[in-house]
C-alpha atoms as a PDB file:
ATOM      1  CA  MET A   1      39.242-106.418  34.075  1.00  0.00           C
ATOM      2  CA  THR A   2      41.921-108.902  33.302  1.00  0.00           C
ATOM      3  CA  LYS A   3      43.136-109.994  29.923  1.00  0.00           C
ATOM      4  CA  LYS A   4      41.384-113.515  30.442  1.00  0.00           C
ATOM      5  CA  GLU A   5      37.898-111.767  31.667  1.00  0.00           C
ATOM      6  CA  PHE A   6      38.527-109.380  28.594  1.00  0.00           C
ATOM      7  CA  THR A   7      39.021-112.251  26.150  1.00  0.00           C
ATOM      8  CA  LYS A   8      36.229-114.327  27.580  1.00  0.00           C
ATOM      9  CA  ALA A   9      33.925-111.373  27.203  1.00  0.00           C
ATOM     10  CA  ILE A  10      34.943-110.922  23.588  1.00  0.00           C
ATOM     11  CA  ALA A  11      34.541-114.346  22.939  1.00  0.00           C
ATOM     12  CA  GLU A  12      31.041-114.370  24.433  1.00  0.00           C
ATOM     13  CA  ARG A  13      29.959-111.394  22.425  1.00  0.00           C
ATOM     14  CA  LEU A  14      31.332-112.884  19.032  1.00  0.00           C
ATOM     15  CA  GLU A  15      30.148-116.374  19.875  1.00  0.00           C
ATOM     16  CA  VAL A  16      33.669-117.843  19.207  1.00  0.00           C
ATOM     17  CA  PRO A  17      36.121-120.009  21.417  1.00  0.00           C
ATOM     18  CA  VAL A  18      37.860-118.063  24.028  1.00  0.00           C
ATOM     19  CA  ARG A  19      41.101-119.357  22.053  1.00  0.00           C
ATOM     20  CA  VAL A  20      40.093-117.366  19.106  1.00  0.00           C
ATOM     21  CA  ALA A  21      39.382-114.246  21.058  1.00  0.00           C
ATOM     22  CA  ASP A  22      42.624-114.522  22.975  1.00  0.00           C
ATOM     23  CA  GLU A  23      44.581-114.912  19.501  1.00  0.00           C
ATOM     24  CA  PHE A  24      42.535-111.879  18.306  1.00  0.00           C
ATOM     25  CA  PHE A  25      43.609-109.853  21.377  1.00  0.00           C
ATOM     26  CA  ASP A  26      47.151-110.892  21.057  1.00  0.00           C
ATOM     27  CA  ALA A  27      47.276-110.046  17.352  1.00  0.00           C
ATOM     28  CA  PHE A  28      45.817-106.375  18.062  1.00  0.00           C
ATOM     29  CA  VAL A  29      48.256-105.936  20.876  1.00  0.00           C
ATOM     30  CA  PHE A  30      51.175-107.051  18.542  1.00  0.00           C
ATOM     31  CA  VAL A  31      50.246-104.788  15.756  1.00  0.00           C
ATOM     32  CA  LEU A  32      49.752-101.849  18.123  1.00  0.00           C
ATOM     33  CA  LYS A  33      53.028-102.353  19.675  1.00  0.00           C
ATOM     34  CA  GLU A  34      54.821-102.710  16.103  1.00  0.00           C
ATOM     35  CA  GLU A  35      53.178 -99.437  14.943  1.00  0.00           C
ATOM     36  CA  LEU A  36      54.062 -97.386  18.219  1.00  0.00           C
ATOM     37  CA  ILE A  37      57.894 -98.758  18.151  1.00  0.00           C
ATOM     38  CA  ALA A  38      57.676 -97.506  14.411  1.00  0.00           C
ATOM     39  CA  GLU A  39      56.747 -94.351  15.666  1.00  0.00           C
ATOM     40  CA  ASN A  40      53.459 -94.376  13.810  1.00  0.00           C
ATOM     41  CA  LYS A  41      50.314 -92.924  15.393  1.00  0.00           C
ATOM     42  CA  VAL A  42      47.519 -95.474  15.663  1.00  0.00           C
ATOM     43  CA  GLN A  43      44.176 -93.919  15.469  1.00  0.00           C
ATOM     44  CA  LEU A  44      40.731 -95.944  16.209  1.00  0.00           C
ATOM     45  CA  SER A  45      37.987 -93.825  15.764  1.00  0.00           C
ATOM     46  CA  THR A  46      35.670 -95.150  18.562  1.00  0.00           C
ATOM     47  CA  LEU A  47      38.597 -95.597  20.992  1.00  0.00           C
ATOM     48  CA  GLY A  48      41.111 -93.040  20.745  1.00  0.00           C
ATOM     49  CA  ILE A  49      44.470 -92.278  19.517  1.00  0.00           C
ATOM     50  CA  PHE A  50      47.751 -93.945  20.682  1.00  0.00           C
ATOM     51  CA  GLU A  51      51.008 -92.307  19.868  1.00  0.00           C
ATOM     52  CA  THR A  52      54.670 -91.993  21.099  1.00  0.00           C
ATOM     53  CA  ARG A  53      56.080 -88.657  22.419  1.00  0.00           C
ATOM     54  CA  ILE A  54      59.311 -87.472  23.585  1.00  0.00           C
ATOM     55  CA  ARG A  55      59.472 -86.631  27.496  1.00  0.00           C
ATOM     56  CA  ARG A  56      62.248 -83.803  28.019  1.00  0.00           C
ATOM     57  CA  GLY A  57      65.056 -84.473  30.234  1.00  0.00           C
ATOM     58  CA  ARG A  58      64.980 -82.679  33.050  1.00  0.00           C
ATOM     59  CA  GLU A  59      67.377 -81.847  36.222  1.00  0.00           C
ATOM     60  CA  THR A  60      65.714 -82.651  39.807  1.00  0.00           C
ATOM     61  CA  ILE A  61      66.785 -83.147  43.462  1.00  0.00           C
ATOM     62  CA  ASN A  62      66.364 -86.208  45.496  1.00  0.00           C
ATOM     63  CA  PRO A  63      64.339 -84.835  48.518  1.00  0.00           C
ATOM     64  CA  PHE A  64      66.042 -87.546  50.831  1.00  0.00           C
ATOM     65  CA  THR A  65      69.684 -86.857  50.166  1.00  0.00           C
ATOM     66  CA  MET A  66      69.337 -83.325  48.384  1.00  0.00           C
ATOM     67  CA  GLU A  67      71.555 -84.959  45.434  1.00  0.00           C
ATOM     68  CA  GLU A  68      71.062 -83.301  42.226  1.00  0.00           C
ATOM     69  CA  LEU A  69      69.984 -85.858  39.531  1.00  0.00           C
ATOM     70  CA  SER A  70      69.616 -85.605  35.686  1.00  0.00           C
ATOM     71  CA  VAL A  71      66.626 -87.549  34.322  1.00  0.00           C
ATOM     72  CA  PRO A  72      67.308 -88.322  30.559  1.00  0.00           C
ATOM     73  CA  GLU A  73      64.755 -87.757  27.845  1.00  0.00           C
ATOM     74  CA  LYS A  74      62.683 -90.735  26.858  1.00  0.00           C
ATOM     75  CA  ARG A  75      59.850 -91.787  24.520  1.00  0.00           C
ATOM     76  CA  ILE A  76      56.550 -92.523  26.260  1.00  0.00           C
ATOM     77  CA  VAL A  77      53.194 -93.656  24.764  1.00  0.00           C
ATOM     78  CA  LYS A  78      50.333 -91.382  25.002  1.00  0.00           C
ATOM     79  CA  PHE A  79      46.568 -92.163  24.795  1.00  0.00           C
ATOM     80  CA  THR A  80      44.139 -89.646  23.837  1.00  0.00           C
ATOM     81  CA  PRO A  81      40.511 -91.023  24.305  1.00  0.00           C
ATOM     82  CA  SER A  82      37.989 -90.353  21.400  1.00  0.00           C
ATOM     83  CA  LYS A  83      34.966 -87.960  22.114  1.00  0.00           C
ATOM     84  CA  TYR A  84      32.807 -90.782  21.564  1.00  0.00           C
ATOM     85  CA  LEU A  85      34.598 -92.699  24.580  1.00  0.00           C
ATOM     86  CA  LYS A  86      34.581 -89.523  26.894  1.00  0.00           C
ATOM     87  CA  GLU A  87      31.124 -89.175  26.236  1.00  0.00           C
ATOM     88  CA  LEU A  88      30.126 -92.894  27.133  1.00  0.00           C
ATOM     89  CA  VAL A  89      32.089 -92.696  30.323  1.00  0.00           C
ATOM     90  CA  ASN A  90      30.914 -89.177  31.350  1.00  0.00           C
ATOM     91  CA  PHE A  91      26.890 -90.250  30.650  1.00  0.00           C
END
């Protein structure tokens, strides 16, 4: 499902113009992004938990050149689905 299809579905569900649903979606993504940048956990009870974590740096080898490479640590976004969402998907 694309963003356009998603916002259209929201607009139909809420009986509002697609433009309003699109603005709502953009605001949702903006707030989520700002909270994750601030390293805050975002917990939405029926959806799940969005949080940032640090992925450790590691040493690896390029299998084609056999060259040793160092992969630095970096922040990643982790999503943990709620129990409710898991049950919906695994009906």
